[in-house]
Amino acid sequence: MNGKTITKRQKISAIIITLPFICAVTLLIIGLFTSDDIYLDKGFSVNFTAVTTLAITHIISIIILKRLDKIDIDLPISKFKKAFSIIGLVIMTFIFSFLLEMGLRMNLNYWLKGNTVEKIELIVIDKNISHGKATDYYIVFNSNYGRLKNKVGRRKYESLSIGEKYRASVNQGFFEGYFLTEPMNKIND
């Protein structure tokens, strides 16, 4: 009877420890398949305050559940190995929180975007190609809001030239960036 209880508590421990990772992966996959390719972004950023808050919340919840004897975390007997295991768990928690912050920010930015449509002028200032498992094409624009980057398809990449001006209708993201509401229109000088 006691052996089954410990096994069940150990399973719950594993779920509690890996829950941020599972949520992060789920949110990142949802974001990759639901957000538009017509997203104008200022570039990659990380909110370290949010990552730290998520990690501390996760660590505190693990400590509380351990104190209430709801979960069972088996640590080595040796003090050195125990310290090494705890440091590893803390590092893993911060990595999971980092991924969770990225997934939450990406999805909430899109789901909570503004309804107000703004007209902005964009000037193509650079074109980049990223080679990896797949080839990605990026157009870099200058606007009143600073430099914005847009991932586009190959045909769109080839059709845009540096120096061209476009007018775009956008909704502002909740945290950052802009989402195009309709295709960009070229401005003829």
C-alpha atoms as a PDB file:
ATOM      1  CA  MET A   1       0.000   0.000   0.000  1.00  0.00           C
ATOM      2  CA  ASN A   2       2.743   2.418   0.966  1.00  0.00           C
ATOM      3  CA  GLY A   3       4.745   1.571  -2.201  1.00  0.00           C
ATOM      4  CA  LYS A   4       1.873   2.642  -4.466  1.00  0.00           C
ATOM      5  CA  THR A   5       1.487   5.941  -2.582  1.00  0.00           C
ATOM      6  CA  ILE A   6       5.163   6.797  -3.042  1.00  0.00           C
ATOM      7  CA  THR A   7       5.014   5.878  -6.732  1.00  0.00           C
ATOM      8  CA  LYS A   8       1.926   8.028  -7.205  1.00  0.00           C
ATOM      9  CA  ARG A   9       3.591  10.948  -5.355  1.00  0.00           C
ATOM     10  CA  GLN A  10       6.705  10.542  -7.485  1.00  0.00           C
ATOM     11  CA  LYS A  11       4.584  10.664 -10.659  1.00  0.00           C
ATOM     12  CA  ILE A  12       2.868  13.806  -9.399  1.00  0.00           C
ATOM     13  CA  SER A  13       6.312  15.278  -8.639  1.00  0.00           C
ATOM     14  CA  ALA A  14       7.467  14.678 -12.193  1.00  0.00           C
ATOM     15  CA  ILE A  15       4.308  16.297 -13.562  1.00  0.00           C
ATOM     16  CA  ILE A  16       4.645  19.336 -11.271  1.00  0.00           C
ATOM     17  CA  ILE A  17       8.320  19.809 -12.160  1.00  0.00           C
ATOM     18  CA  THR A  18       7.821  19.475 -15.930  1.00  0.00           C
ATOM     19  CA  LEU A  19       4.474  21.323 -16.143  1.00  0.00           C
ATOM     20  CA  PRO A  20       5.998  24.679 -17.258  1.00  0.00           C
ATOM     21  CA  PHE A  21       7.907  22.872 -20.022  1.00  0.00           C
ATOM     22  CA  ILE A  22       4.785  21.078 -21.243  1.00  0.00           C
ATOM     23  CA  CYS A  23       2.804  24.348 -21.191  1.00  0.00           C
ATOM     24  CA  ALA A  24       5.620  26.195 -22.976  1.00  0.00           C
ATOM     25  CA  VAL A  25       5.881  23.644 -25.767  1.00  0.00           C
ATOM     26  CA  THR A  26       2.102  23.622 -26.195  1.00  0.00           C
ATOM     27  CA  LEU A  27       1.931  27.439 -26.358  1.00  0.00           C
ATOM     28  CA  LEU A  28       4.872  27.674 -28.769  1.00  0.00           C
ATOM     29  CA  ILE A  29       3.275  25.112 -31.100  1.00  0.00           C
ATOM     30  CA  ILE A  30      -0.074  26.938 -30.943  1.00  0.00           C
ATOM     31  CA  GLY A  31       1.694  30.233 -31.657  1.00  0.00           C
ATOM     32  CA  LEU A  32       3.580  28.845 -34.628  1.00  0.00           C
ATOM     33  CA  PHE A  33       0.424  27.560 -36.267  1.00  0.00           C
ATOM     34  CA  THR A  34      -2.019  30.349 -35.400  1.00  0.00           C
ATOM     35  CA  SER A  35      -0.113  33.637 -35.573  1.00  0.00           C
ATOM     36  CA  ASP A  36       0.165  35.333 -38.922  1.00  0.00           C
ATOM     37  CA  ASP A  37       3.227  35.474 -41.144  1.00  0.00           C
ATOM     38  CA  ILE A  38       2.349  39.136 -41.587  1.00  0.00           C
ATOM     39  CA  TYR A  39       3.646  40.117 -38.186  1.00  0.00           C
ATOM     40  CA  LEU A  40       5.894  43.180 -37.992  1.00  0.00           C
ATOM     41  CA  ASP A  41       8.325  42.723 -35.130  1.00  0.00           C
ATOM     42  CA  LYS A  42      10.958  44.940 -33.530  1.00  0.00           C
ATOM     43  CA  GLY A  43      13.153  41.903 -32.871  1.00  0.00           C
ATOM     44  CA  PHE A  44      13.683  39.212 -30.280  1.00  0.00           C
ATOM     45  CA  SER A  45      13.452  40.250 -26.643  1.00  0.00           C
ATOM     46  CA  VAL A  46      13.156  38.503 -23.303  1.00  0.00           C
ATOM     47  CA  ASN A  47      11.395  39.829 -20.226  1.00  0.00           C
ATOM     48  CA  PHE A  48      13.761  38.661 -17.484  1.00  0.00           C
ATOM     49  CA  THR A  49      11.399  39.898 -14.763  1.00  0.00           C
ATOM     50  CA  ALA A  50       8.654  37.610 -16.094  1.00  0.00           C
ATOM     51  CA  VAL A  51      11.080  34.671 -16.402  1.00  0.00           C
ATOM     52  CA  THR A  52      12.313  35.189 -12.830  1.00  0.00           C
ATOM     53  CA  THR A  53       8.755  35.563 -11.505  1.00  0.00           C
ATOM     54  CA  LEU A  54       7.632  32.367 -13.243  1.00  0.00           C
ATOM     55  CA  ALA A  55      10.691  30.460 -11.997  1.00  0.00           C
ATOM     56  CA  ILE A  56      10.334  31.662  -8.393  1.00  0.00           C
ATOM     57  CA  THR A  57       6.602  30.880  -8.429  1.00  0.00           C
ATOM     58  CA  HIS A  58       7.363  27.383  -9.702  1.00  0.00           C
ATOM     59  CA  ILE A  59      10.113  26.794  -7.126  1.00  0.00           C
ATOM     60  CA  ILE A  60       7.904  28.076  -4.273  1.00  0.00           C
ATOM     61  CA  SER A  61       5.026  25.834  -5.386  1.00  0.00           C
ATOM     62  CA  ILE A  62       7.376  22.820  -5.404  1.00  0.00           C
ATOM     63  CA  ILE A  63       8.656  23.713  -1.906  1.00  0.00           C
ATOM     64  CA  ILE A  64       5.108  24.165  -0.565  1.00  0.00           C
ATOM     65  CA  LEU A  65       3.941  20.860  -2.062  1.00  0.00           C
ATOM     66  CA  LYS A  66       7.027  19.138  -0.630  1.00  0.00           C
ATOM     67  CA  ARG A  67       6.384  20.646   2.840  1.00  0.00           C
ATOM     68  CA  LEU A  68       2.730  19.566   2.706  1.00  0.00           C
ATOM     69  CA  ASP A  69       3.987  16.071   1.828  1.00  0.00           C
ATOM     70  CA  LYS A  70       2.005  16.048  -1.431  1.00  0.00           C
ATOM     71  CA  ILE A  71       4.987  15.276  -3.654  1.00  0.00           C
ATOM     72  CA  ASP A  72       8.108  13.207  -3.209  1.00  0.00           C
ATOM     73  CA  ILE A  73      11.431  14.379  -4.604  1.00  0.00           C
ATOM     74  CA  ASP A  74      14.202  11.830  -4.166  1.00  0.00           C
ATOM     75  CA  LEU A  75      17.538  13.588  -3.740  1.00  0.00           C
ATOM     76  CA  PRO A  76      20.867  11.802  -3.337  1.00  0.00           C
ATOM     77  CA  ILE A  77      22.208  11.200   0.186  1.00  0.00           C
ATOM     78  CA  SER A  78      25.616  12.766  -0.485  1.00  0.00           C
ATOM     79  CA  LYS A  79      25.663  16.530   0.229  1.00  0.00           C
ATOM     80  CA  PHE A  80      27.662  17.243  -2.926  1.00  0.00           C
ATOM     81  CA  LYS A  81      25.282  15.248  -5.146  1.00  0.00           C
ATOM     82  CA  LYS A  82      22.267  16.750  -3.359  1.00  0.00           C
ATOM     83  CA  ALA A  83      23.564  20.307  -3.961  1.00  0.00           C
ATOM     84  CA  PHE A  84      24.341  19.430  -7.584  1.00  0.00           C
ATOM     85  CA  SER A  85      20.791  18.014  -8.031  1.00  0.00           C
ATOM     86  CA  ILE A  86      19.178  21.097  -6.489  1.00  0.00           C
ATOM     87  CA  ILE A  87      21.248  23.443  -8.682  1.00  0.00           C
ATOM     88  CA  GLY A  88      20.272  21.346 -11.711  1.00  0.00           C
ATOM     89  CA  LEU A  89      16.566  21.572 -10.778  1.00  0.00           C
ATOM     90  CA  VAL A  90      16.823  25.363 -10.350  1.00  0.00           C
ATOM     91  CA  ILE A  91      18.578  25.764 -13.725  1.00  0.00           C
ATOM     92  CA  MET A  92      16.000  23.483 -15.372  1.00  0.00           C
ATOM     93  CA  THR A  93      13.211  25.548 -13.782  1.00  0.00           C
ATOM     94  CA  PHE A  94      14.659  28.784 -15.204  1.00  0.00           C
ATOM     95  CA  ILE A  95      14.989  27.230 -18.678  1.00  0.00           C
ATOM     96  CA  PHE A  96      11.381  25.986 -18.530  1.00  0.00           C
ATOM     97  CA  SER A  97      10.245  29.434 -17.324  1.00  0.00           C
ATOM     98  CA  PHE A  98      12.128  31.100 -20.184  1.00  0.00           C
ATOM     99  CA  LEU A  99      10.318  28.889 -22.717  1.00  0.00           C
ATOM    100  CA  LEU A 100       6.993  29.461 -20.959  1.00  0.00           C
ATOM    101  CA  GLU A 101       7.502  33.249 -21.041  1.00  0.00           C
ATOM    102  CA  MET A 102       8.212  33.109 -24.779  1.00  0.00           C
ATOM    103  CA  GLY A 103       5.105  31.016 -25.448  1.00  0.00           C
ATOM    104  CA  LEU A 104       2.863  33.174 -23.276  1.00  0.00           C
ATOM    105  CA  ARG A 105       4.178  36.455 -24.711  1.00  0.00           C
ATOM    106  CA  MET A 106       3.850  35.300 -28.312  1.00  0.00           C
ATOM    107  CA  ASN A 107       0.275  34.044 -27.909  1.00  0.00           C
ATOM    108  CA  LEU A 108      -1.030  36.753 -25.581  1.00  0.00           C
ATOM    109  CA  ASN A 109       0.491  39.412 -27.842  1.00  0.00           C
ATOM    110  CA  TYR A 110      -1.603  38.068 -30.730  1.00  0.00           C
ATOM    111  CA  TRP A 111      -4.763  37.103 -28.804  1.00  0.00           C
ATOM    112  CA  LEU A 112      -4.976  40.444 -26.965  1.00  0.00           C
ATOM    113  CA  LYS A 113      -3.938  42.688 -29.861  1.00  0.00           C
ATOM    114  CA  GLY A 114      -5.683  46.023 -30.272  1.00  0.00           C
ATOM    115  CA  ASN A 115      -8.780  46.488 -32.424  1.00  0.00           C
ATOM    116  CA  THR A 116      -7.788  49.960 -33.605  1.00  0.00           C
ATOM    117  CA  VAL A 117      -6.460  49.964 -37.160  1.00  0.00           C
ATOM    118  CA  GLU A 118      -3.554  52.345 -37.732  1.00  0.00           C
ATOM    119  CA  LYS A 119      -2.023  53.386 -41.051  1.00  0.00           C
ATOM    120  CA  ILE A 120       1.772  53.395 -41.053  1.00  0.00           C
ATOM    121  CA  GLU A 121       4.345  54.057 -43.751  1.00  0.00           C
ATOM    122  CA  LEU A 122       7.061  51.444 -44.249  1.00  0.00           C
ATOM    123  CA  ILE A 123      10.306  51.766 -46.217  1.00  0.00           C
ATOM    124  CA  VAL A 124      12.200  48.611 -47.198  1.00  0.00           C
ATOM    125  CA  ILE A 125      15.745  49.063 -45.862  1.00  0.00           C
ATOM    126  CA  ASP A 126      17.114  45.504 -45.879  1.00  0.00           C
ATOM    127  CA  LYS A 127      16.399  41.952 -47.007  1.00  0.00           C
ATOM    128  CA  ASN A 128      17.724  38.847 -45.215  1.00  0.00           C
ATOM    129  CA  ILE A 129      17.660  35.121 -45.899  1.00  0.00           C
ATOM    130  CA  SER A 130      18.006  32.651 -43.042  1.00  0.00           C
ATOM    131  CA  HIS A 131      19.161  29.133 -43.909  1.00  0.00           C
ATOM    132  CA  GLY A 132      18.390  26.274 -41.544  1.00  0.00           C
ATOM    133  CA  LYS A 133      16.147  23.244 -41.893  1.00  0.00           C
ATOM    134  CA  ALA A 134      14.001  25.570 -43.964  1.00  0.00           C
ATOM    135  CA  THR A 135      14.857  28.793 -45.750  1.00  0.00           C
ATOM    136  CA  ASP A 136      13.199  31.864 -44.240  1.00  0.00           C
ATOM    137  CA  TYR A 137      12.958  35.234 -45.973  1.00  0.00           C
ATOM    138  CA  TYR A 138      12.830  38.486 -44.008  1.00  0.00           C
ATOM    139  CA  ILE A 139      12.195  42.070 -45.030  1.00  0.00           C
ATOM    140  CA  VAL A 140      13.390  44.845 -42.714  1.00  0.00           C
ATOM    141  CA  PHE A 141      11.359  48.053 -42.764  1.00  0.00           C
ATOM    142  CA  ASN A 142      11.951  51.497 -41.330  1.00  0.00           C
ATOM    143  CA  SER A 143       8.864  53.225 -39.929  1.00  0.00           C
ATOM    144  CA  ASN A 144       7.824  55.907 -37.470  1.00  0.00           C
ATOM    145  CA  TYR A 145       7.949  53.153 -34.832  1.00  0.00           C
ATOM    146  CA  GLY A 146      11.543  52.126 -35.577  1.00  0.00           C
ATOM    147  CA  ARG A 147      12.876  49.118 -37.445  1.00  0.00           C
ATOM    148  CA  LEU A 148      10.361  46.329 -38.044  1.00  0.00           C
ATOM    149  CA  LYS A 149      10.989  42.884 -39.480  1.00  0.00           C
ATOM    150  CA  ASN A 150       8.509  40.794 -41.483  1.00  0.00           C
ATOM    151  CA  LYS A 151       8.870  37.138 -42.433  1.00  0.00           C
ATOM    152  CA  VAL A 152       7.646  36.651 -46.013  1.00  0.00           C
ATOM    153  CA  GLY A 153       7.526  33.967 -48.684  1.00  0.00           C
ATOM    154  CA  ARG A 154      10.118  33.664 -51.443  1.00  0.00           C
ATOM    155  CA  ARG A 155       7.936  35.323 -54.116  1.00  0.00           C
ATOM    156  CA  LYS A 156       7.129  38.295 -51.883  1.00  0.00           C
ATOM    157  CA  TYR A 157      10.819  38.554 -50.948  1.00  0.00           C
ATOM    158  CA  GLU A 158      11.834  38.700 -54.595  1.00  0.00           C
ATOM    159  CA  SER A 159       9.127  41.257 -55.455  1.00  0.00           C
ATOM    160  CA  LEU A 160      10.194  43.811 -52.809  1.00  0.00           C
ATOM    161  CA  SER A 161      13.152  46.104 -53.449  1.00  0.00           C
ATOM    162  CA  ILE A 162      15.207  48.142 -51.033  1.00  0.00           C
ATOM    163  CA  GLY A 163      14.029  51.771 -50.959  1.00  0.00           C
ATOM    164  CA  GLU A 164      10.381  51.022 -51.876  1.00  0.00           C
ATOM    165  CA  LYS A 165       7.697  52.643 -49.724  1.00  0.00           C
ATOM    166  CA  TYR A 166       4.500  50.938 -48.570  1.00  0.00           C
ATOM    167  CA  ARG A 167       1.422  51.941 -46.609  1.00  0.00           C
ATOM    168  CA  ALA A 168       0.176  49.316 -44.186  1.00  0.00           C
ATOM    169  CA  SER A 169      -2.932  48.954 -42.063  1.00  0.00           C
ATOM    170  CA  VAL A 170      -1.962  47.408 -38.729  1.00  0.00           C
ATOM    171  CA  ASN A 171      -3.271  46.447 -35.314  1.00  0.00           C
ATOM    172  CA  GLN A 172      -0.805  46.977 -32.498  1.00  0.00           C
ATOM    173  CA  GLY A 173       0.188  43.858 -30.564  1.00  0.00           C
ATOM    174  CA  PHE A 174      -0.621  43.806 -26.853  1.00  0.00           C
ATOM    175  CA  PHE A 175       3.063  43.778 -25.826  1.00  0.00           C
ATOM    176  CA  GLU A 176       4.998  44.610 -28.977  1.00  0.00           C
ATOM    177  CA  GLY A 177       4.958  44.625 -32.743  1.00  0.00           C
ATOM    178  CA  TYR A 178       2.154  45.027 -35.245  1.00  0.00           C
ATOM    179  CA  PHE A 179      -0.161  42.696 -37.134  1.00  0.00           C
ATOM    180  CA  LEU A 180      -1.122  43.602 -40.694  1.00  0.00           C
ATOM    181  CA  THR A 181      -4.876  43.733 -41.222  1.00  0.00           C
ATOM    182  CA  GLU A 182      -4.618  43.731 -45.020  1.00  0.00           C
ATOM    183  CA  PRO A 183      -1.858  43.479 -47.634  1.00  0.00           C
ATOM    184  CA  MET A 184       0.588  46.390 -47.882  1.00  0.00           C
ATOM    185  CA  ASN A 185       0.027  48.938 -50.655  1.00  0.00           C
ATOM    186  CA  LYS A 186       2.989  50.324 -52.568  1.00  0.00           C
ATOM    187  CA  ILE A 187       3.335  54.120 -52.515  1.00  0.00           C
ATOM    188  CA  ASN A 188       4.346  55.534 -55.870  1.00  0.00           C
ATOM    189  CA  ASP A 189       6.412  58.722 -55.593  1.00  0.00           C
END
